[in-house]
Amino acid sequence: MRRPRCPARPGPARPRPGAAPPAAGAEAGGTMRYLVLFQYRGTRYSGVVRTVADQSWLGVQNYLEQAAQSLKPLVPIKFCISSRTDAGVHALCNSAHVDIQRWAGKPPFPGSVLVSSLNRCLKSEEIRILSACQVPDDFHARFSALSRTYIYRLVMGCSYNFQIPVFERDLCWAPRGDHLNVPAMQEAAQFLLGTHDFSTFRSICADTPYKSPIKTIIHVDIRPFSSFLSYHYIHRQLQFWELEFRSRSFLYKQVRRMVGALVAVGIGKLKPYHIKELLEVRDSLAYPQNTIAPAAGLFLKSVEYDDAEQRGRVLLHNL
């Protein structure tokens, strides 16, 4: 199959001149839906969703849809993304579904062609397509998801952010202090498990009043981890920690607020029972000031579906 050419410039997807309406006598072919898994380093993007107002700082979706123009679809391809992430937040594996309509007589693209063609156009970006596979028409990347897993990376032993190792910059948070009281953090994390009103742990945004603050945290874990260059940092006595959260969905900045509160417990600013009290007060204004964890350090790890074999290999725990 001939490799599609990349569009000349980045930006939101637009209809190609002459592509629509079809020429006289031309017929549209069928539409095929695909599940696309992709990853990105979020530092240089305004977030994952498409940006319209500010063309100087685009979202990951802008670049995905621009790259998709190289496939020469009958109509512009739109990415319906499963999980929104903010500026500076990274993704080891996010997902989206796309509908691709080709001209009559043109066969559906194999998933491997989508991966290679899109990655070719994204080679100068910090975005990579991991896989693509055909899915049923009723599959929805966002609403079909059973759960989402986020991880947050911490490094202890740095008094200031500029002391973070250069290869970890923008990929972890360095709270003040030499160590964390992990048992106290684990005790506090137990209060977050289960179904609660997380009003205190959400930030206010335009659609906040329309979203229920009731969420169910399925899993919380706090564990040490080894950076891929950890052996270079032994002499500096740096400690790396990873906090993991899984839920069907999260509120705006909920994970960063939970991380910030747990770290406050770990460094002694809060006690474990304060987490329970914050949940019970159900007021975002009650959240301690200057406690929220920064975007750097937060990763969307995976999106889980009920039929991983049919939907694609979504669980990339060994990425």
C-alpha atoms as a PDB file:
ATOM      1  CA  MET A   1       0.000   0.000   0.000  1.00  0.00           C
ATOM      2  CA  ARG A   2       1.370   3.385  -0.963  1.00  0.00           C
ATOM      3  CA  ARG A   3       2.514   5.468   2.009  1.00  0.00           C
ATOM      4  CA  PRO A   4       0.452   8.666   2.442  1.00  0.00           C
ATOM      5  CA  ARG A   5       2.259  11.987   2.401  1.00  0.00           C
ATOM      6  CA  CYS A   6       2.306  14.228   5.462  1.00  0.00           C
ATOM      7  CA  PRO A   7       0.490  17.584   5.509  1.00  0.00           C
ATOM      8  CA  ALA A   8       2.724  20.617   5.165  1.00  0.00           C
ATOM      9  CA  ARG A   9       1.905  22.362   8.438  1.00  0.00           C
ATOM     10  CA  PRO A  10       0.459  21.619  11.892  1.00  0.00           C
ATOM     11  CA  GLY A  11      -2.946  22.809  13.053  1.00  0.00           C
ATOM     12  CA  PRO A  12      -6.553  21.684  13.351  1.00  0.00           C
ATOM     13  CA  ALA A  13      -7.817  19.240  10.754  1.00  0.00           C
ATOM     14  CA  ARG A  14      -9.522  20.897   7.773  1.00  0.00           C
ATOM     15  CA  PRO A  15     -11.197  19.490   4.680  1.00  0.00           C
ATOM     16  CA  ARG A  16      -8.760  19.103   1.848  1.00  0.00           C
ATOM     17  CA  PRO A  17      -9.500  21.381  -1.117  1.00  0.00           C
ATOM     18  CA  GLY A  18     -11.404  19.392  -3.711  1.00  0.00           C
ATOM     19  CA  ALA A  19     -12.107  16.469  -1.341  1.00  0.00           C
ATOM     20  CA  ALA A  20     -15.716  17.386  -0.604  1.00  0.00           C
ATOM     21  CA  PRO A  21     -18.221  17.294  -2.052  1.00  0.00           C
ATOM     22  CA  PRO A  22     -17.328  14.222  -4.124  1.00  0.00           C
ATOM     23  CA  ALA A  23     -16.857  14.690  -7.824  1.00  0.00           C
ATOM     24  CA  ALA A  24     -19.714  13.773 -10.148  1.00  0.00           C
ATOM     25  CA  GLY A  25     -20.049  10.006 -10.413  1.00  0.00           C
ATOM     26  CA  ALA A  26     -17.812   9.358  -7.386  1.00  0.00           C
ATOM     27  CA  GLU A  27     -19.216   7.280  -4.564  1.00  0.00           C
ATOM     28  CA  ALA A  28     -18.279   7.185  -0.930  1.00  0.00           C
ATOM     29  CA  GLY A  29     -17.029   3.932   0.515  1.00  0.00           C
ATOM     30  CA  GLY A  30     -17.775   2.485   3.941  1.00  0.00           C
ATOM     31  CA  THR A  31     -16.715   3.980   7.240  1.00  0.00           C
ATOM     32  CA  MET A  32     -14.469   2.010   9.550  1.00  0.00           C
ATOM     33  CA  ARG A  33     -13.976   2.766  13.245  1.00  0.00           C
ATOM     34  CA  TYR A  34     -10.567   2.260  14.849  1.00  0.00           C
ATOM     35  CA  LEU A  35      -9.247   2.301  18.390  1.00  0.00           C
ATOM     36  CA  VAL A  36      -5.951   4.198  18.443  1.00  0.00           C
ATOM     37  CA  LEU A  37      -3.534   4.046  21.376  1.00  0.00           C
ATOM     38  CA  PHE A  38      -0.988   6.835  21.663  1.00  0.00           C
ATOM     39  CA  GLN A  39       1.473   8.369  24.095  1.00  0.00           C
ATOM     40  CA  TYR A  40       2.980  11.812  24.508  1.00  0.00           C
ATOM     41  CA  ARG A  41       5.183  13.972  26.647  1.00  0.00           C
ATOM     42  CA  GLY A  42       2.874  16.777  27.710  1.00  0.00           C
ATOM     43  CA  THR A  43       5.404  19.479  28.554  1.00  0.00           C
ATOM     44  CA  ARG A  44       5.206  21.319  25.235  1.00  0.00           C
ATOM     45  CA  TYR A  45       1.432  21.002  24.648  1.00  0.00           C
ATOM     46  CA  SER A  46      -1.574  22.890  25.991  1.00  0.00           C
ATOM     47  CA  GLY A  47      -3.164  19.587  26.955  1.00  0.00           C
ATOM     48  CA  VAL A  48      -4.527  16.681  24.976  1.00  0.00           C
ATOM     49  CA  VAL A  49      -7.734  18.233  23.601  1.00  0.00           C
ATOM     50  CA  ARG A  50      -7.900  20.376  20.489  1.00  0.00           C
ATOM     51  CA  THR A  51      -7.052  24.074  20.911  1.00  0.00           C
ATOM     52  CA  VAL A  52      -8.983  26.552  18.783  1.00  0.00           C
ATOM     53  CA  ALA A  53      -8.530  29.999  20.327  1.00  0.00           C
ATOM     54  CA  ASP A  54      -4.741  29.991  20.826  1.00  0.00           C
ATOM     55  CA  GLN A  55      -2.984  28.738  17.708  1.00  0.00           C
ATOM     56  CA  SER A  56       0.422  29.444  19.248  1.00  0.00           C
ATOM     57  CA  TRP A  57       0.048  26.645  21.819  1.00  0.00           C
ATOM     58  CA  LEU A  58      -1.745  23.637  20.405  1.00  0.00           C
ATOM     59  CA  GLY A  59      -3.076  20.484  22.011  1.00  0.00           C
ATOM     60  CA  VAL A  60      -2.047  16.920  21.175  1.00  0.00           C
ATOM     61  CA  GLN A  61      -5.350  16.453  19.343  1.00  0.00           C
ATOM     62  CA  ASN A  62      -4.451  19.235  16.898  1.00  0.00           C
ATOM     63  CA  TYR A  63      -1.362  17.336  15.797  1.00  0.00           C
ATOM     64  CA  LEU A  64      -3.100  13.964  15.674  1.00  0.00           C
ATOM     65  CA  GLU A  65      -5.852  15.282  13.415  1.00  0.00           C
ATOM     66  CA  GLN A  66      -3.401  17.139  11.225  1.00  0.00           C
ATOM     67  CA  ALA A  67      -1.323  13.980  10.794  1.00  0.00           C
ATOM     68  CA  ALA A  68      -4.502  12.049   9.928  1.00  0.00           C
ATOM     69  CA  GLN A  69      -4.970  14.235   6.851  1.00  0.00           C
ATOM     70  CA  SER A  70      -2.086  12.315   5.302  1.00  0.00           C
ATOM     71  CA  LEU A  71      -4.477   9.362   4.969  1.00  0.00           C
ATOM     72  CA  LYS A  72      -6.549  11.384   2.472  1.00  0.00           C
ATOM     73  CA  PRO A  73      -9.923  10.484   3.976  1.00  0.00           C
ATOM     74  CA  LEU A  74     -13.204  11.406   2.324  1.00  0.00           C
ATOM     75  CA  VAL A  75     -14.054  13.608   5.330  1.00  0.00           C
ATOM     76  CA  PRO A  76     -11.664  15.057   7.945  1.00  0.00           C
ATOM     77  CA  ILE A  77     -10.813  12.612  10.722  1.00  0.00           C
ATOM     78  CA  LYS A  78     -11.717  13.600  14.271  1.00  0.00           C
ATOM     79  CA  PHE A  79     -10.142  11.936  17.295  1.00  0.00           C
ATOM     80  CA  CYS A  80     -12.605  11.177  20.090  1.00  0.00           C
ATOM     81  CA  ILE A  81     -10.198  10.974  23.026  1.00  0.00           C
ATOM     82  CA  SER A  82     -10.965   8.842  26.059  1.00  0.00           C
ATOM     83  CA  SER A  83      -9.134  10.809  28.750  1.00  0.00           C
ATOM     84  CA  ARG A  84      -8.407  14.510  28.970  1.00  0.00           C
ATOM     85  CA  THR A  85      -5.072  15.605  30.389  1.00  0.00           C
ATOM     86  CA  ASP A  86      -3.944  19.146  31.156  1.00  0.00           C
ATOM     87  CA  ALA A  87      -0.877  21.041  30.028  1.00  0.00           C
ATOM     88  CA  GLY A  88       2.268  19.409  31.329  1.00  0.00           C
ATOM     89  CA  VAL A  89       0.608  16.048  32.043  1.00  0.00           C
ATOM     90  CA  HIS A  90       2.020  13.057  30.177  1.00  0.00           C
ATOM     91  CA  ALA A  91       0.502   9.834  28.874  1.00  0.00           C
ATOM     92  CA  LEU A  92       2.131   6.424  28.661  1.00  0.00           C
ATOM     93  CA  CYS A  93      -1.031   5.262  26.946  1.00  0.00           C
ATOM     94  CA  ASN A  94      -4.095   7.331  26.076  1.00  0.00           C
ATOM     95  CA  SER A  95      -6.754   6.147  23.642  1.00  0.00           C
ATOM     96  CA  ALA A  96      -9.160   7.508  21.069  1.00  0.00           C
ATOM     97  CA  HIS A  97     -11.525   6.209  18.437  1.00  0.00           C
ATOM     98  CA  VAL A  98     -11.618   7.553  14.904  1.00  0.00           C
ATOM     99  CA  ASP A  99     -13.966   7.002  11.967  1.00  0.00           C
ATOM    100  CA  ILE A 100     -12.265   6.805   8.584  1.00  0.00           C
ATOM    101  CA  GLN A 101     -14.318   6.951   5.408  1.00  0.00           C
ATOM    102  CA  ARG A 102     -12.575   6.143   2.136  1.00  0.00           C
ATOM    103  CA  TRP A 103     -13.659   6.405  -1.470  1.00  0.00           C
ATOM    104  CA  ALA A 104     -15.677   3.541  -2.961  1.00  0.00           C
ATOM    105  CA  GLY A 105     -13.445   0.642  -3.908  1.00  0.00           C
ATOM    106  CA  LYS A 106     -10.744   1.580  -1.411  1.00  0.00           C
ATOM    107  CA  PRO A 107     -10.169  -1.133   1.229  1.00  0.00           C
ATOM    108  CA  PRO A 108     -10.010  -0.249   4.942  1.00  0.00           C
ATOM    109  CA  PHE A 109      -6.581   0.675   6.238  1.00  0.00           C
ATOM    110  CA  PRO A 110      -4.780  -2.063   8.168  1.00  0.00           C
ATOM    111  CA  GLY A 111      -3.921  -0.896  11.671  1.00  0.00           C
ATOM    112  CA  SER A 112      -0.214  -1.151  10.901  1.00  0.00           C
ATOM    113  CA  VAL A 113      -0.571   1.390   8.077  1.00  0.00           C
ATOM    114  CA  LEU A 114      -2.282   3.854  10.404  1.00  0.00           C
ATOM    115  CA  VAL A 115       0.503   3.481  12.951  1.00  0.00           C
ATOM    116  CA  SER A 116       3.375   3.931  10.484  1.00  0.00           C
ATOM    117  CA  SER A 117       1.738   6.744   8.501  1.00  0.00           C
ATOM    118  CA  LEU A 118       0.735   8.796  11.539  1.00  0.00           C
ATOM    119  CA  ASN A 119       4.087   8.312  13.272  1.00  0.00           C
ATOM    120  CA  ARG A 120       5.879   9.421  10.120  1.00  0.00           C
ATOM    121  CA  CYS A 121       3.977  12.702  10.213  1.00  0.00           C
ATOM    122  CA  LEU A 122       4.490  13.065  13.974  1.00  0.00           C
ATOM    123  CA  LYS A 123       8.230  12.373  13.915  1.00  0.00           C
ATOM    124  CA  SER A 124       9.116  15.942  14.971  1.00  0.00           C
ATOM    125  CA  GLU A 125       6.588  15.886  17.841  1.00  0.00           C
ATOM    126  CA  GLU A 126       6.749  14.216  21.258  1.00  0.00           C
ATOM    127  CA  ILE A 127       3.734  12.109  20.293  1.00  0.00           C
ATOM    128  CA  ARG A 128       3.767   8.482  19.200  1.00  0.00           C
ATOM    129  CA  ILE A 129       1.064   6.119  17.980  1.00  0.00           C
ATOM    130  CA  LEU A 130       1.352   2.778  19.789  1.00  0.00           C
ATOM    131  CA  SER A 131      -1.265   0.709  17.992  1.00  0.00           C
ATOM    132  CA  ALA A 132      -4.486   0.866  15.977  1.00  0.00           C
ATOM    133  CA  CYS A 133      -7.142  -1.771  15.422  1.00  0.00           C
ATOM    134  CA  GLN A 134     -10.640  -1.992  13.986  1.00  0.00           C
ATOM    135  CA  VAL A 135     -13.510  -1.951  16.493  1.00  0.00           C
ATOM    136  CA  PRO A 136     -17.323  -2.189  16.219  1.00  0.00           C
ATOM    137  CA  ASP A 137     -19.297   0.917  15.324  1.00  0.00           C
ATOM    138  CA  ASP A 138     -20.832   1.090  18.811  1.00  0.00           C
ATOM    139  CA  PHE A 139     -17.452   1.205  20.536  1.00  0.00           C
ATOM    140  CA  HIS A 140     -16.697   4.560  22.207  1.00  0.00           C
ATOM    141  CA  ALA A 141     -13.198   5.281  23.505  1.00  0.00           C
ATOM    142  CA  ARG A 142     -14.501   7.407  26.371  1.00  0.00           C
ATOM    143  CA  PHE A 143     -17.773   5.778  27.418  1.00  0.00           C
ATOM    144  CA  SER A 144     -16.710   2.162  26.837  1.00  0.00           C
ATOM    145  CA  ALA A 145     -13.767   2.512  29.229  1.00  0.00           C
ATOM    146  CA  LEU A 146     -14.077   0.546  32.463  1.00  0.00           C
ATOM    147  CA  SER A 147     -11.323   2.401  34.282  1.00  0.00           C
ATOM    148  CA  ARG A 148      -8.352   4.688  33.955  1.00  0.00           C
ATOM    149  CA  THR A 149      -5.051   4.412  35.790  1.00  0.00           C
ATOM    150  CA  TYR A 150      -2.814   7.358  36.637  1.00  0.00           C
ATOM    151  CA  ILE A 151       0.604   7.344  38.237  1.00  0.00           C
ATOM    152  CA  TYR A 152       2.441  10.217  39.875  1.00  0.00           C
ATOM    153  CA  ARG A 153       6.228  10.223  40.205  1.00  0.00           C
ATOM    154  CA  LEU A 154       8.070  11.809  43.132  1.00  0.00           C
ATOM    155  CA  VAL A 155      11.758  12.283  43.872  1.00  0.00           C
ATOM    156  CA  MET A 156      12.943  13.020  47.405  1.00  0.00           C
ATOM    157  CA  GLY A 157      16.312  14.462  48.307  1.00  0.00           C
ATOM    158  CA  CYS A 158      16.203  17.620  46.188  1.00  0.00           C
ATOM    159  CA  SER A 159      15.877  20.866  48.112  1.00  0.00           C
ATOM    160  CA  TYR A 160      14.943  22.802  44.979  1.00  0.00           C
ATOM    161  CA  ASN A 161      13.436  21.945  41.608  1.00  0.00           C
ATOM    162  CA  PHE A 162      16.645  22.882  39.787  1.00  0.00           C
ATOM    163  CA  GLN A 163      18.354  19.997  41.599  1.00  0.00           C
ATOM    164  CA  ILE A 164      16.173  17.427  39.856  1.00  0.00           C
ATOM    165  CA  PRO A 165      18.378  15.301  37.560  1.00  0.00           C
ATOM    166  CA  VAL A 166      18.301  16.664  34.043  1.00  0.00           C
ATOM    167  CA  PHE A 167      16.814  13.460  32.603  1.00  0.00           C
ATOM    168  CA  GLU A 168      13.969  13.574  35.135  1.00  0.00           C
ATOM    169  CA  ARG A 169      13.084  17.233  34.587  1.00  0.00           C
ATOM    170  CA  ASP A 170       9.358  17.784  33.978  1.00  0.00           C
ATOM    171  CA  LEU A 171       8.786  14.072  34.648  1.00  0.00           C
ATOM    172  CA  CYS A 172       8.577  14.130  38.445  1.00  0.00           C
ATOM    173  CA  TRP A 173       7.959  16.429  41.415  1.00  0.00           C
ATOM    174  CA  ALA A 174      10.550  17.129  44.111  1.00  0.00           C
ATOM    175  CA  PRO A 175       8.735  18.100  47.327  1.00  0.00           C
ATOM    176  CA  ARG A 176      10.794  19.721  50.055  1.00  0.00           C
ATOM    177  CA  GLY A 177      12.307  17.278  52.527  1.00  0.00           C
ATOM    178  CA  ASP A 178      14.654  14.317  52.589  1.00  0.00           C
ATOM    179  CA  HIS A 179      12.146  11.510  53.065  1.00  0.00           C
ATOM    180  CA  LEU A 180       8.465  10.608  53.196  1.00  0.00           C
ATOM    181  CA  ASN A 181       6.584   8.928  56.017  1.00  0.00           C
ATOM    182  CA  VAL A 182       5.207   6.281  53.688  1.00  0.00           C
ATOM    183  CA  PRO A 183       3.296   4.285  56.351  1.00  0.00           C
ATOM    184  CA  ALA A 184       1.382   7.455  57.262  1.00  0.00           C
ATOM    185  CA  MET A 185       0.664   8.102  53.576  1.00  0.00           C
ATOM    186  CA  GLN A 186      -0.592   4.546  53.132  1.00  0.00           C
ATOM    187  CA  GLU A 187      -2.856   4.939  56.150  1.00  0.00           C
ATOM    188  CA  ALA A 188      -4.225   8.191  54.718  1.00  0.00           C
ATOM    189  CA  ALA A 189      -4.704   6.635  51.272  1.00  0.00           C
ATOM    190  CA  GLN A 190      -7.144   4.094  52.733  1.00  0.00           C
ATOM    191  CA  PHE A 191      -9.635   6.912  53.323  1.00  0.00           C
ATOM    192  CA  LEU A 192      -9.658   7.615  49.564  1.00  0.00           C
ATOM    193  CA  LEU A 193     -10.609   4.074  48.585  1.00  0.00           C
ATOM    194  CA  GLY A 194     -14.238   3.373  47.746  1.00  0.00           C
ATOM    195  CA  THR A 195     -17.097   5.650  46.729  1.00  0.00           C
ATOM    196  CA  HIS A 196     -17.066   9.185  48.131  1.00  0.00           C
ATOM    197  CA  ASP A 197     -18.038  12.755  47.417  1.00  0.00           C
ATOM    198  CA  PHE A 198     -14.705  14.180  46.221  1.00  0.00           C
ATOM    199  CA  SER A 199     -15.827  17.840  46.094  1.00  0.00           C
ATOM    200  CA  THR A 200     -12.833  18.869  48.215  1.00  0.00           C
ATOM    201  CA  PHE A 201     -10.474  17.186  45.791  1.00  0.00           C
ATOM    202  CA  ARG A 202     -11.627  18.844  42.596  1.00  0.00           C
ATOM    203  CA  SER A 203     -10.639  22.178  41.120  1.00  0.00           C
ATOM    204  CA  ILE A 204     -13.299  24.554  39.882  1.00  0.00           C
ATOM    205  CA  CYS A 205     -13.686  24.810  36.100  1.00  0.00           C
ATOM    206  CA  ALA A 206     -16.430  25.846  33.675  1.00  0.00           C
ATOM    207  CA  ASP A 207     -18.257  22.502  33.707  1.00  0.00           C
ATOM    208  CA  THR A 208     -17.752  21.733  37.432  1.00  0.00           C
ATOM    209  CA  PRO A 209     -21.395  22.419  38.437  1.00  0.00           C
ATOM    210  CA  TYR A 210     -22.629  19.881  35.883  1.00  0.00           C
ATOM    211  CA  LYS A 211     -20.445  16.951  36.933  1.00  0.00           C
ATOM    212  CA  SER A 212     -21.224  14.724  39.892  1.00  0.00           C
ATOM    213  CA  PRO A 213     -18.466  14.764  42.543  1.00  0.00           C
ATOM    214  CA  ILE A 214     -19.261  11.155  43.425  1.00  0.00           C
ATOM    215  CA  LYS A 215     -16.372   8.944  42.307  1.00  0.00           C
ATOM    216  CA  THR A 216     -15.136   5.468  43.182  1.00  0.00           C
ATOM    217  CA  ILE A 217     -11.427   4.916  43.731  1.00  0.00           C
ATOM    218  CA  ILE A 218     -10.740   1.255  42.951  1.00  0.00           C
ATOM    219  CA  HIS A 219      -7.048   1.132  43.746  1.00  0.00           C
ATOM    220  CA  VAL A 220      -4.381   3.252  45.466  1.00  0.00           C
ATOM    221  CA  ASP A 221      -0.754   2.228  45.780  1.00  0.00           C
ATOM    222  CA  ILE A 222       2.394   3.944  47.034  1.00  0.00           C
ATOM    223  CA  ARG A 223       5.647   2.219  46.138  1.00  0.00           C
ATOM    224  CA  PRO A 224       9.322   2.930  45.473  1.00  0.00           C
ATOM    225  CA  PHE A 225      10.525   2.692  41.917  1.00  0.00           C
ATOM    226  CA  SER A 226      13.835   2.790  40.143  1.00  0.00           C
ATOM    227  CA  SER A 227      14.499   5.448  37.557  1.00  0.00           C
ATOM    228  CA  PHE A 228      16.121   4.092  34.411  1.00  0.00           C
ATOM    229  CA  LEU A 229      19.244   6.035  35.439  1.00  0.00           C
ATOM    230  CA  SER A 230      18.945   5.425  39.198  1.00  0.00           C
ATOM    231  CA  TYR A 231      22.464   4.018  39.504  1.00  0.00           C
ATOM    232  CA  HIS A 232      23.797   7.453  38.528  1.00  0.00           C
ATOM    233  CA  TYR A 233      21.962   9.061  41.460  1.00  0.00           C
ATOM    234  CA  ILE A 234      23.019   6.702  44.266  1.00  0.00           C
ATOM    235  CA  HIS A 235      25.685   9.080  45.530  1.00  0.00           C
ATOM    236  CA  ARG A 236      23.036  11.821  45.845  1.00  0.00           C
ATOM    237  CA  GLN A 237      20.798   9.596  47.986  1.00  0.00           C
ATOM    238  CA  LEU A 238      17.725  10.370  45.892  1.00  0.00           C
ATOM    239  CA  GLN A 239      14.574   8.371  46.555  1.00  0.00           C
ATOM    240  CA  PHE A 240      11.995   7.815  43.817  1.00  0.00           C
ATOM    241  CA  TRP A 241       8.361   7.061  44.651  1.00  0.00           C
ATOM    242  CA  GLU A 242       5.322   6.280  42.549  1.00  0.00           C
ATOM    243  CA  LEU A 243       1.683   6.823  43.535  1.00  0.00           C
ATOM    244  CA  GLU A 244      -0.932   4.958  41.494  1.00  0.00           C
ATOM    245  CA  PHE A 245      -4.700   5.587  41.335  1.00  0.00           C
ATOM    246  CA  ARG A 246      -7.378   3.715  39.399  1.00  0.00           C
ATOM    247  CA  SER A 247     -11.006   4.742  38.916  1.00  0.00           C
ATOM    248  CA  ARG A 248     -13.550   4.711  36.136  1.00  0.00           C
ATOM    249  CA  SER A 249     -13.183   8.484  35.894  1.00  0.00           C
ATOM    250  CA  PHE A 250     -11.695  11.388  37.800  1.00  0.00           C
ATOM    251  CA  LEU A 251     -12.702  14.967  38.525  1.00  0.00           C
ATOM    252  CA  TYR A 252     -10.757  17.957  37.232  1.00  0.00           C
ATOM    253  CA  LYS A 253      -7.298  17.891  38.888  1.00  0.00           C
ATOM    254  CA  GLN A 254      -8.515  15.259  41.378  1.00  0.00           C
ATOM    255  CA  VAL A 255      -5.384  13.119  41.112  1.00  0.00           C
ATOM    256  CA  ARG A 256      -3.055  16.079  41.616  1.00  0.00           C
ATOM    257  CA  ARG A 257      -5.040  17.163  44.680  1.00  0.00           C
ATOM    258  CA  MET A 258      -4.995  13.678  46.168  1.00  0.00           C
ATOM    259  CA  VAL A 259      -1.250  13.410  45.564  1.00  0.00           C
ATOM    260  CA  GLY A 260      -0.627  16.822  47.131  1.00  0.00           C
ATOM    261  CA  ALA A 261      -2.616  15.906  50.232  1.00  0.00           C
ATOM    262  CA  LEU A 262      -0.871  12.551  50.618  1.00  0.00           C
ATOM    263  CA  VAL A 263       2.546  14.176  50.228  1.00  0.00           C
ATOM    264  CA  ALA A 264       1.532  16.714  52.896  1.00  0.00           C
ATOM    265  CA  VAL A 265       0.888  13.735  55.171  1.00  0.00           C
ATOM    266  CA  GLY A 266       4.225  12.224  54.195  1.00  0.00           C
ATOM    267  CA  ILE A 267       6.203  15.334  55.145  1.00  0.00           C
ATOM    268  CA  GLY A 268       4.229  15.968  58.339  1.00  0.00           C
ATOM    269  CA  LYS A 269       2.084  18.937  57.347  1.00  0.00           C
ATOM    270  CA  LEU A 270      -1.100  16.882  57.656  1.00  0.00           C
ATOM    271  CA  LYS A 271      -2.104  13.832  59.668  1.00  0.00           C
ATOM    272  CA  PRO A 272      -3.749  10.789  58.088  1.00  0.00           C
ATOM    273  CA  TYR A 273      -7.118  11.591  59.675  1.00  0.00           C
ATOM    274  CA  HIS A 274      -7.081  15.001  57.938  1.00  0.00           C
ATOM    275  CA  ILE A 275      -7.734  13.203  54.629  1.00  0.00           C
ATOM    276  CA  LYS A 276     -10.953  11.794  56.077  1.00  0.00           C
ATOM    277  CA  GLU A 277     -11.937  15.253  57.321  1.00  0.00           C
ATOM    278  CA  LEU A 278     -11.261  16.812  53.911  1.00  0.00           C
ATOM    279  CA  LEU A 279     -13.534  14.247  52.284  1.00  0.00           C
ATOM    280  CA  GLU A 280     -16.308  14.866  54.799  1.00  0.00           C
ATOM    281  CA  VAL A 281     -16.301  18.658  54.448  1.00  0.00           C
ATOM    282  CA  ARG A 282     -17.106  18.386  50.703  1.00  0.00           C
ATOM    283  CA  ASP A 283     -15.859  21.867  49.842  1.00  0.00           C
ATOM    284  CA  SER A 284     -13.128  22.604  47.311  1.00  0.00           C
ATOM    285  CA  LEU A 285     -12.269  25.796  49.206  1.00  0.00           C
ATOM    286  CA  ALA A 286     -11.353  23.700  52.251  1.00  0.00           C
ATOM    287  CA  TYR A 287      -8.447  22.130  50.398  1.00  0.00           C
ATOM    288  CA  PRO A 288      -5.160  23.423  51.925  1.00  0.00           C
ATOM    289  CA  GLN A 289      -3.595  26.212  49.895  1.00  0.00           C
ATOM    290  CA  ASN A 290      -0.359  25.574  47.997  1.00  0.00           C
ATOM    291  CA  THR A 291      -0.745  21.833  48.430  1.00  0.00           C
ATOM    292  CA  ILE A 292      -1.802  20.625  44.964  1.00  0.00           C
ATOM    293  CA  ALA A 293       0.885  18.656  43.159  1.00  0.00           C
ATOM    294  CA  PRO A 294       2.225  20.219  39.929  1.00  0.00           C
ATOM    295  CA  ALA A 295       1.403  18.781  36.513  1.00  0.00           C
ATOM    296  CA  ALA A 296       4.966  17.546  36.027  1.00  0.00           C
ATOM    297  CA  GLY A 297       5.072  14.043  37.416  1.00  0.00           C
ATOM    298  CA  LEU A 298       1.535  12.995  36.444  1.00  0.00           C
ATOM    299  CA  PHE A 299       1.105  10.277  33.806  1.00  0.00           C
ATOM    300  CA  LEU A 300      -1.975   8.628  32.375  1.00  0.00           C
ATOM    301  CA  LYS A 301      -0.747   5.039  32.541  1.00  0.00           C
ATOM    302  CA  SER A 302      -3.549   3.124  30.830  1.00  0.00           C
ATOM    303  CA  VAL A 303      -7.208   2.971  29.856  1.00  0.00           C
ATOM    304  CA  GLU A 304      -8.917  -0.351  30.531  1.00  0.00           C
ATOM    305  CA  TYR A 305     -11.715  -1.861  28.438  1.00  0.00           C
ATOM    306  CA  ASP A 306     -13.838  -4.966  28.919  1.00  0.00           C
ATOM    307  CA  ASP A 307     -12.510  -6.825  25.881  1.00  0.00           C
ATOM    308  CA  ALA A 308      -8.815  -6.096  25.529  1.00  0.00           C
ATOM    309  CA  GLU A 309      -8.285  -8.798  22.922  1.00  0.00           C
ATOM    310  CA  GLN A 310     -10.903  -7.353  20.586  1.00  0.00           C
ATOM    311  CA  ARG A 311     -10.306  -3.669  21.370  1.00  0.00           C
ATOM    312  CA  GLY A 312      -6.522  -3.828  21.228  1.00  0.00           C
ATOM    313  CA  ARG A 313      -3.779  -4.237  23.732  1.00  0.00           C
ATOM    314  CA  VAL A 314      -4.754  -1.388  26.020  1.00  0.00           C
ATOM    315  CA  LEU A 315      -2.988  -2.420  29.217  1.00  0.00           C
ATOM    316  CA  LEU A 316       0.612  -1.343  28.710  1.00  0.00           C
ATOM    317  CA  HIS A 317       1.942  -2.072  32.191  1.00  0.00           C
ATOM    318  CA  ASN A 318       5.323  -3.091  30.828  1.00  0.00           C
ATOM    319  CA  LEU A 319       5.699  -0.060  28.566  1.00  0.00           C
END
